[in-house]
Amino acid sequence: MSFLELLKTGEMPPKNGKKSPGTPYDNYMEEKKLALPSGDKNITVAKPQNFSDIQKLIDNLKSKQGVIVDLSVVRAELAQRMLDFLSGAVYALNGSIDRVENKMYVLGGSGVEIVNKIK
């Protein structure tokens, strides 16, 4: 094994020339060939001030990313209109929305599941 391969894999070559059996987890991962999460799944946290900020958040939802929205910095009437707009977009994208706390919501587009463990 060359030095460059060692840097790429992060594995030390075995001294006897045979590959070590690894842990049960390593064996499971090797068998299933599970892909590591890609860097394109992000969660955006935002405090929108106007509707152009909301449109950017909807673009994130369209690209199947999660969004956490804090509407505490805007007036109640504007916050309600923003939430209505976001709710419509989430519905159109077959996504989900869940309230975290007062004026804070977590939104997910299609394929993003929100699991609420808080009761």
C-alpha atoms as a PDB file:
ATOM      1  CA  MET A   1       0.000   0.000   0.000  1.00  0.00           C
ATOM      2  CA  SER A   2       1.427   3.339  -1.009  1.00  0.00           C
ATOM      3  CA  PHE A   3       1.545   6.371   1.221  1.00  0.00           C
ATOM      4  CA  LEU A   4      -1.151   8.095  -0.883  1.00  0.00           C
ATOM      5  CA  GLU A   5      -3.493   5.108  -0.521  1.00  0.00           C
ATOM      6  CA  LEU A   6      -2.867   5.199   3.210  1.00  0.00           C
ATOM      7  CA  LEU A   7      -3.907   8.856   3.311  1.00  0.00           C
ATOM      8  CA  LYS A   8      -7.033   8.186   1.229  1.00  0.00           C
ATOM      9  CA  THR A   9      -8.296   5.204   3.202  1.00  0.00           C
ATOM     10  CA  GLY A  10      -6.950   6.039   6.646  1.00  0.00           C
ATOM     11  CA  GLU A  11      -6.205   2.344   7.204  1.00  0.00           C
ATOM     12  CA  MET A  12      -2.902   0.981   8.337  1.00  0.00           C
ATOM     13  CA  PRO A  13      -1.791  -2.016   6.300  1.00  0.00           C
ATOM     14  CA  PRO A  14      -1.664  -5.282   8.244  1.00  0.00           C
ATOM     15  CA  LYS A  15       1.812  -6.507   9.117  1.00  0.00           C
ATOM     16  CA  ASN A  16       1.214 -10.031   7.816  1.00  0.00           C
ATOM     17  CA  GLY A  17      -0.136  -8.865   4.435  1.00  0.00           C
ATOM     18  CA  LYS A  18      -3.715 -10.032   5.108  1.00  0.00           C
ATOM     19  CA  LYS A  19      -6.637  -7.727   5.595  1.00  0.00           C
ATOM     20  CA  SER A  20      -7.833  -7.652   9.181  1.00  0.00           C
ATOM     21  CA  PRO A  21     -11.393  -8.941   9.737  1.00  0.00           C
ATOM     22  CA  GLY A  22     -12.566  -5.662  11.293  1.00  0.00           C
ATOM     23  CA  THR A  23     -15.311  -5.050  13.794  1.00  0.00           C
ATOM     24  CA  PRO A  24     -18.883  -6.303  13.283  1.00  0.00           C
ATOM     25  CA  TYR A  25     -19.888  -2.754  12.370  1.00  0.00           C
ATOM     26  CA  ASP A  26     -17.133  -2.533   9.757  1.00  0.00           C
ATOM     27  CA  ASN A  27     -18.250  -5.864   8.315  1.00  0.00           C
ATOM     28  CA  TYR A  28     -21.872  -4.718   8.215  1.00  0.00           C
ATOM     29  CA  MET A  29     -20.951  -1.484   6.445  1.00  0.00           C
ATOM     30  CA  GLU A  30     -18.814  -3.377   3.953  1.00  0.00           C
ATOM     31  CA  GLU A  31     -21.585  -5.893   3.230  1.00  0.00           C
ATOM     32  CA  LYS A  32     -24.333  -3.333   2.784  1.00  0.00           C
ATOM     33  CA  LYS A  33     -22.152  -0.786   1.002  1.00  0.00           C
ATOM     34  CA  LEU A  34     -24.011   1.982   2.781  1.00  0.00           C
ATOM     35  CA  ALA A  35     -23.263   5.375   1.360  1.00  0.00           C
ATOM     36  CA  LEU A  36     -22.092   8.079   3.680  1.00  0.00           C
ATOM     37  CA  PRO A  37     -24.305  11.159   3.844  1.00  0.00           C
ATOM     38  CA  SER A  38     -23.539  13.595   1.086  1.00  0.00           C
ATOM     39  CA  GLY A  39     -22.735  17.230   1.714  1.00  0.00           C
ATOM     40  CA  ASP A  40     -25.781  18.462  -0.189  1.00  0.00           C
ATOM     41  CA  LYS A  41     -28.211  17.808   2.688  1.00  0.00           C
ATOM     42  CA  ASN A  42     -28.238  20.953   4.736  1.00  0.00           C
ATOM     43  CA  ILE A  43     -30.509  22.554   7.269  1.00  0.00           C
ATOM     44  CA  THR A  44     -30.967  26.283   6.921  1.00  0.00           C
ATOM     45  CA  VAL A  45     -31.739  28.336  10.033  1.00  0.00           C
ATOM     46  CA  ALA A  46     -33.246  31.733   9.261  1.00  0.00           C
ATOM     47  CA  LYS A  47     -34.946  34.764  10.758  1.00  0.00           C
ATOM     48  CA  PRO A  48     -36.664  36.168   7.671  1.00  0.00           C
ATOM     49  CA  GLN A  49     -37.315  39.896   7.517  1.00  0.00           C
ATOM     50  CA  ASN A  50     -39.336  40.065   4.276  1.00  0.00           C
ATOM     51  CA  PHE A  51     -40.885  37.910   1.577  1.00  0.00           C
ATOM     52  CA  SER A  52     -37.714  37.693  -0.521  1.00  0.00           C
ATOM     53  CA  ASP A  53     -36.148  35.830   2.416  1.00  0.00           C
ATOM     54  CA  ILE A  54     -39.137  33.464   2.413  1.00  0.00           C
ATOM     55  CA  GLN A  55     -38.676  32.762  -1.302  1.00  0.00           C
ATOM     56  CA  LYS A  56     -35.043  31.776  -0.667  1.00  0.00           C
ATOM     57  CA  LEU A  57     -36.193  29.381   2.048  1.00  0.00           C
ATOM     58  CA  ILE A  58     -38.697  27.829  -0.339  1.00  0.00           C
ATOM     59  CA  ASP A  59     -35.876  27.319  -2.845  1.00  0.00           C
ATOM     60  CA  ASN A  60     -34.084  25.343  -0.122  1.00  0.00           C
ATOM     61  CA  LEU A  61     -37.205  23.239   0.428  1.00  0.00           C
ATOM     62  CA  LYS A  62     -37.444  22.579  -3.316  1.00  0.00           C
ATOM     63  CA  SER A  63     -33.910  21.197  -3.252  1.00  0.00           C
ATOM     64  CA  LYS A  64     -34.968  18.788  -0.456  1.00  0.00           C
ATOM     65  CA  GLN A  65     -33.233  20.571   2.383  1.00  0.00           C
ATOM     66  CA  GLY A  66     -34.564  21.240   5.850  1.00  0.00           C
ATOM     67  CA  VAL A  67     -35.392  24.728   7.097  1.00  0.00           C
ATOM     68  CA  ILE A  68     -35.784  26.105  10.607  1.00  0.00           C
ATOM     69  CA  VAL A  69     -37.642  29.419  10.604  1.00  0.00           C
ATOM     70  CA  ASP A  70     -37.734  31.857  13.512  1.00  0.00           C
ATOM     71  CA  LEU A  71     -40.497  34.412  12.981  1.00  0.00           C
ATOM     72  CA  SER A  72     -40.030  36.174  16.327  1.00  0.00           C
ATOM     73  CA  VAL A  73     -38.363  39.239  14.789  1.00  0.00           C
ATOM     74  CA  VAL A  74     -41.307  40.308  12.615  1.00  0.00           C
ATOM     75  CA  ARG A  75     -44.735  41.729  13.487  1.00  0.00           C
ATOM     76  CA  ALA A  76     -47.459  39.189  14.265  1.00  0.00           C
ATOM     77  CA  GLU A  77     -49.458  39.978  11.107  1.00  0.00           C
ATOM     78  CA  LEU A  78     -46.419  39.621   8.848  1.00  0.00           C
ATOM     79  CA  ALA A  79     -45.337  36.455  10.656  1.00  0.00           C
ATOM     80  CA  GLN A  80     -48.777  34.934  10.021  1.00  0.00           C
ATOM     81  CA  ARG A  81     -48.637  35.813   6.316  1.00  0.00           C
ATOM     82  CA  MET A  82     -45.122  34.342   6.048  1.00  0.00           C
ATOM     83  CA  LEU A  83     -46.231  31.174   7.802  1.00  0.00           C
ATOM     84  CA  ASP A  84     -49.241  30.882   5.483  1.00  0.00           C
ATOM     85  CA  PHE A  85     -46.965  31.290   2.455  1.00  0.00           C
ATOM     86  CA  LEU A  86     -44.506  28.693   3.778  1.00  0.00           C
ATOM     87  CA  SER A  87     -47.341  26.298   4.637  1.00  0.00           C
ATOM     88  CA  GLY A  88     -48.649  26.510   1.079  1.00  0.00           C
ATOM     89  CA  ALA A  89     -45.208  25.805  -0.336  1.00  0.00           C
ATOM     90  CA  VAL A  90     -44.689  22.860   2.020  1.00  0.00           C
ATOM     91  CA  TYR A  91     -48.074  21.446   1.012  1.00  0.00           C
ATOM     92  CA  ALA A  92     -47.285  21.847  -2.702  1.00  0.00           C
ATOM     93  CA  LEU A  93     -43.928  20.098  -2.213  1.00  0.00           C
ATOM     94  CA  ASN A  94     -45.490  17.199  -0.249  1.00  0.00           C
ATOM     95  CA  GLY A  95     -43.372  18.231   2.710  1.00  0.00           C
ATOM     96  CA  SER A  96     -44.044  18.674   6.388  1.00  0.00           C
ATOM     97  CA  ILE A  97     -44.035  21.462   8.929  1.00  0.00           C
ATOM     98  CA  ASP A  98     -43.888  21.272  12.696  1.00  0.00           C
ATOM     99  CA  ARG A  99     -43.862  23.910  15.401  1.00  0.00           C
ATOM    100  CA  VAL A 100     -40.795  23.854  17.649  1.00  0.00           C
ATOM    101  CA  GLU A 101     -41.769  26.691  19.965  1.00  0.00           C
ATOM    102  CA  ASN A 102     -43.533  30.038  19.815  1.00  0.00           C
ATOM    103  CA  LYS A 103     -42.945  31.497  16.322  1.00  0.00           C
ATOM    104  CA  MET A 104     -40.294  28.864  15.468  1.00  0.00           C
ATOM    105  CA  TYR A 105     -40.994  26.124  12.934  1.00  0.00           C
ATOM    106  CA  VAL A 106     -39.089  23.320  11.264  1.00  0.00           C
ATOM    107  CA  LEU A 107     -39.953  22.565   7.646  1.00  0.00           C
ATOM    108  CA  GLY A 108     -38.958  19.746   5.366  1.00  0.00           C
ATOM    109  CA  GLY A 109     -39.543  19.307   1.666  1.00  0.00           C
ATOM    110  CA  SER A 110     -40.433  16.079  -0.067  1.00  0.00           C
ATOM    111  CA  GLY A 111     -38.242  13.265   1.201  1.00  0.00           C
ATOM    112  CA  VAL A 112     -37.348  15.036   4.450  1.00  0.00           C
ATOM    113  CA  GLU A 113     -39.059  13.441   7.420  1.00  0.00           C
ATOM    114  CA  ILE A 114     -39.526  15.373  10.649  1.00  0.00           C
ATOM    115  CA  VAL A 115     -39.675  13.092  13.664  1.00  0.00           C
ATOM    116  CA  ASN A 116     -41.160  14.957  16.630  1.00  0.00           C
ATOM    117  CA  LYS A 117     -39.930  13.473  19.890  1.00  0.00           C
ATOM    118  CA  ILE A 118     -40.997  16.499  21.943  1.00  0.00           C
ATOM    119  CA  LYS A 119     -44.410  16.232  23.598  1.00  0.00           C
END
